[in-house]
Amino acid sequence: MAKSANRLKTEEVSLSMNSQTVWYLDRLVETGLYGNTRPQAAMVAITDHCKMLIAGGKLGMAPPILGSDAKEVTKP
C-alpha cells in the first residue's frame, strides 16, 4: 500500500552520537523494523519516542498544519 504524501516540510538534521549509541542504532537496523540505514533508524526511533511522550502527556501536540482540515484535539 502506497503512503500518502507528507504535508510537512522536511528538515535536515545532523546528529553526532557516541559509538555505543551507534551500536544500538545498528541493532535496530538489523531487526528490519527501523529502516535500512542508521539515519532511518534514528528517525523512526525519535518519531516513536515522540509519539510515546505525547500519549503520556509529557510532550504537547504540535500545532496543526496551516491550510489543513486538521482540528486541534484537547483533553477534557
N, C-alpha and C. Protein backbone atom coordinates (compact mmCIF):
# COMPACT_ATOMS: atom_id res chain seq x y z
N MET A 1 0.84 -1.17 0.00
CA MET A 1 0.00 0.00 0.00
C MET A 1 0.89 1.24 0.00
N ALA A 2 0.61 2.17 -0.89
CA ALA A 2 1.42 3.38 -1.01
C ALA A 2 1.11 4.35 0.13
N LYS A 3 2.16 5.02 0.60
CA LYS A 3 1.99 6.02 1.64
C LYS A 3 1.50 7.32 1.02
N SER A 4 0.70 8.09 1.77
CA SER A 4 0.26 9.38 1.28
C SER A 4 1.41 10.38 1.40
N ALA A 5 1.34 11.42 0.60
CA ALA A 5 2.40 12.42 0.61
C ALA A 5 2.46 13.12 1.96
N ASN A 6 3.67 13.38 2.43
CA ASN A 6 3.87 14.09 3.68
C ASN A 6 3.61 15.57 3.44
N ARG A 7 2.68 16.14 4.20
CA ARG A 7 2.31 17.53 4.01
C ARG A 7 3.23 18.47 4.78
N LEU A 8 4.13 17.91 5.57
CA LEU A 8 5.06 18.74 6.33
C LEU A 8 6.37 18.92 5.57
N LYS A 9 6.93 20.10 5.67
CA LYS A 9 8.22 20.38 5.06
C LYS A 9 9.28 19.54 5.78
N THR A 10 10.14 18.90 5.02
CA THR A 10 11.20 18.10 5.58
C THR A 10 12.35 19.00 6.00
N GLU A 11 12.87 18.76 7.20
CA GLU A 11 14.02 19.49 7.72
C GLU A 11 15.18 18.53 7.87
N GLU A 12 16.36 18.93 7.45
CA GLU A 12 17.54 18.09 7.61
C GLU A 12 18.16 18.34 8.97
N VAL A 13 18.52 17.25 9.66
CA VAL A 13 19.12 17.33 10.98
C VAL A 13 20.39 16.48 10.98
N SER A 14 21.43 17.01 11.56
CA SER A 14 22.69 16.27 11.67
C SER A 14 22.86 15.85 13.12
N LEU A 15 23.20 14.59 13.35
CA LEU A 15 23.39 14.07 14.70
C LEU A 15 24.80 13.55 14.88
N SER A 16 25.35 13.78 16.04
CA SER A 16 26.62 13.17 16.43
C SER A 16 26.33 12.28 17.62
N MET A 17 26.77 11.03 17.56
CA MET A 17 26.50 10.07 18.62
C MET A 17 27.77 9.35 19.01
N ASN A 18 27.79 8.89 20.25
CA ASN A 18 28.95 8.10 20.66
C ASN A 18 28.85 6.70 20.07
N SER A 19 29.92 5.96 20.14
CA SER A 19 29.99 4.65 19.49
C SER A 19 28.99 3.65 20.09
N GLN A 20 28.69 3.79 21.36
CA GLN A 20 27.71 2.87 21.96
C GLN A 20 26.31 3.11 21.39
N THR A 21 25.94 4.37 21.22
CA THR A 21 24.63 4.68 20.65
C THR A 21 24.55 4.21 19.21
N VAL A 22 25.62 4.38 18.45
CA VAL A 22 25.65 3.89 17.07
C VAL A 22 25.50 2.37 17.05
N TRP A 23 26.09 1.69 18.01
CA TRP A 23 25.95 0.23 18.11
C TRP A 23 24.47 -0.13 18.26
N TYR A 24 23.75 0.61 19.13
CA TYR A 24 22.31 0.35 19.29
C TYR A 24 21.55 0.63 18.00
N LEU A 25 21.87 1.72 17.32
CA LEU A 25 21.21 2.01 16.04
C LEU A 25 21.42 0.86 15.06
N ASP A 26 22.63 0.33 15.02
CA ASP A 26 22.90 -0.80 14.13
C ASP A 26 22.06 -2.01 14.49
N ARG A 27 21.82 -2.24 15.78
CA ARG A 27 20.96 -3.36 16.18
C ARG A 27 19.52 -3.12 15.71
N LEU A 28 19.06 -1.86 15.77
CA LEU A 28 17.71 -1.55 15.28
C LEU A 28 17.61 -1.80 13.78
N VAL A 29 18.63 -1.41 13.03
CA VAL A 29 18.64 -1.65 11.58
C VAL A 29 18.60 -3.14 11.29
N GLU A 30 19.35 -3.92 12.06
CA GLU A 30 19.39 -5.37 11.85
C GLU A 30 18.01 -6.02 12.03
N THR A 31 17.15 -5.43 12.86
CA THR A 31 15.81 -6.01 13.04
C THR A 31 14.96 -5.85 11.78
N GLY A 32 15.28 -4.86 10.97
CA GLY A 32 14.49 -4.60 9.77
C GLY A 32 13.22 -3.81 10.05
N LEU A 33 12.99 -3.46 11.31
CA LEU A 33 11.77 -2.73 11.69
C LEU A 33 11.97 -1.23 11.77
N TYR A 34 13.22 -0.78 11.65
CA TYR A 34 13.53 0.63 11.82
C TYR A 34 14.21 1.22 10.59
N GLY A 35 14.00 0.63 9.45
CA GLY A 35 14.63 1.11 8.23
C GLY A 35 15.87 0.33 7.89
N ASN A 36 16.54 0.77 6.85
CA ASN A 36 17.71 0.05 6.34
C ASN A 36 19.02 0.77 6.59
N THR A 37 18.96 1.95 7.19
CA THR A 37 20.17 2.74 7.42
C THR A 37 20.13 3.35 8.82
N ARG A 38 21.27 3.80 9.28
CA ARG A 38 21.33 4.47 10.59
C ARG A 38 20.43 5.71 10.63
N PRO A 39 20.46 6.58 9.61
CA PRO A 39 19.55 7.75 9.65
C PRO A 39 18.08 7.35 9.70
N GLN A 40 17.69 6.31 8.96
CA GLN A 40 16.29 5.85 9.01
C GLN A 40 15.95 5.32 10.40
N ALA A 41 16.86 4.56 10.98
CA ALA A 41 16.62 4.00 12.32
C ALA A 41 16.49 5.12 13.34
N ALA A 42 17.34 6.13 13.25
CA ALA A 42 17.27 7.25 14.18
C ALA A 42 15.94 7.99 14.02
N MET A 43 15.50 8.21 12.78
CA MET A 43 14.24 8.90 12.54
C MET A 43 13.06 8.12 13.14
N VAL A 44 13.01 6.82 12.89
CA VAL A 44 11.91 6.01 13.40
C VAL A 44 11.94 5.99 14.93
N ALA A 45 13.11 5.81 15.52
CA ALA A 45 13.22 5.76 16.97
C ALA A 45 12.79 7.08 17.60
N ILE A 46 13.21 8.20 17.03
CA ILE A 46 12.83 9.51 17.57
C ILE A 46 11.34 9.74 17.39
N THR A 47 10.80 9.42 16.22
CA THR A 47 9.36 9.59 15.96
C THR A 47 8.53 8.73 16.93
N ASP A 48 8.92 7.47 17.10
CA ASP A 48 8.20 6.59 18.02
C ASP A 48 8.26 7.12 19.45
N HIS A 49 9.42 7.62 19.85
CA HIS A 49 9.55 8.14 21.22
C HIS A 49 8.69 9.39 21.41
N CYS A 50 8.64 10.27 20.40
CA CYS A 50 7.76 11.44 20.48
C CYS A 50 6.30 11.02 20.63
N LYS A 51 5.88 10.01 19.87
CA LYS A 51 4.50 9.51 19.99
C LYS A 51 4.23 9.02 21.40
N MET A 52 5.20 8.30 21.99
CA MET A 52 5.04 7.78 23.35
C MET A 52 4.94 8.94 24.35
N LEU A 53 5.78 9.97 24.20
CA LEU A 53 5.74 11.11 25.10
C LEU A 53 4.42 11.88 24.98
N ILE A 54 3.92 12.04 23.75
CA ILE A 54 2.64 12.71 23.54
C ILE A 54 1.52 11.92 24.19
N ALA A 55 1.50 10.61 23.98
CA ALA A 55 0.46 9.76 24.56
C ALA A 55 0.50 9.82 26.08
N GLY A 56 1.68 9.95 26.66
CA GLY A 56 1.82 10.01 28.11
C GLY A 56 1.62 11.40 28.69
N GLY A 57 1.32 12.38 27.83
CA GLY A 57 1.08 13.74 28.29
C GLY A 57 2.34 14.49 28.68
N LYS A 58 3.50 13.98 28.31
CA LYS A 58 4.76 14.62 28.67
C LYS A 58 5.28 15.56 27.60
N LEU A 59 4.67 15.52 26.43
CA LEU A 59 5.07 16.38 25.31
C LEU A 59 3.79 16.88 24.65
N GLY A 60 3.68 18.19 24.47
CA GLY A 60 2.48 18.75 23.86
C GLY A 60 2.39 18.41 22.39
N MET A 61 1.18 18.44 21.88
CA MET A 61 0.95 18.20 20.46
C MET A 61 1.47 19.38 19.66
N ALA A 62 2.01 19.10 18.48
CA ALA A 62 2.44 20.17 17.58
C ALA A 62 1.20 20.87 17.04
N PRO A 63 1.32 22.15 16.68
CA PRO A 63 0.16 22.85 16.12
C PRO A 63 -0.24 22.23 14.79
N PRO A 64 -1.53 22.36 14.42
CA PRO A 64 -1.98 21.80 13.14
C PRO A 64 -1.27 22.46 11.96
N ILE A 65 -1.20 21.74 10.86
CA ILE A 65 -0.59 22.25 9.63
C ILE A 65 -1.50 23.32 9.05
N LEU A 66 -0.94 24.47 8.72
CA LEU A 66 -1.74 25.55 8.14
C LEU A 66 -2.37 25.09 6.84
N GLY A 67 -3.64 25.40 6.67
CA GLY A 67 -4.33 25.06 5.44
C GLY A 67 -4.86 23.64 5.41
N SER A 68 -4.67 22.89 6.50
CA SER A 68 -5.17 21.52 6.52
C SER A 68 -6.56 21.49 7.14
N ASP A 69 -7.20 20.37 7.03
CA ASP A 69 -8.51 20.19 7.64
C ASP A 69 -8.38 19.66 9.07
N ALA A 70 -7.14 19.57 9.56
CA ALA A 70 -6.91 19.04 10.90
C ALA A 70 -7.52 19.94 11.95
N LYS A 71 -8.08 19.33 12.96
CA LYS A 71 -8.66 20.06 14.08
C LYS A 71 -7.82 19.79 15.31
N GLU A 72 -7.60 20.82 16.13
CA GLU A 72 -6.83 20.64 17.34
C GLU A 72 -7.64 19.84 18.34
N VAL A 73 -7.03 18.85 18.94
CA VAL A 73 -7.69 17.99 19.91
C VAL A 73 -7.18 18.35 21.29
N THR A 74 -8.08 18.59 22.22
CA THR A 74 -7.68 18.86 23.59
C THR A 74 -8.28 17.80 24.50
N LYS A 75 -7.54 17.50 25.56
CA LYS A 75 -8.04 16.52 26.52
C LYS A 75 -9.00 17.21 27.47
N PRO A 76 -10.08 16.51 27.87
CA PRO A 76 -11.04 17.13 28.80
C PRO A 76 -10.43 17.34 30.18
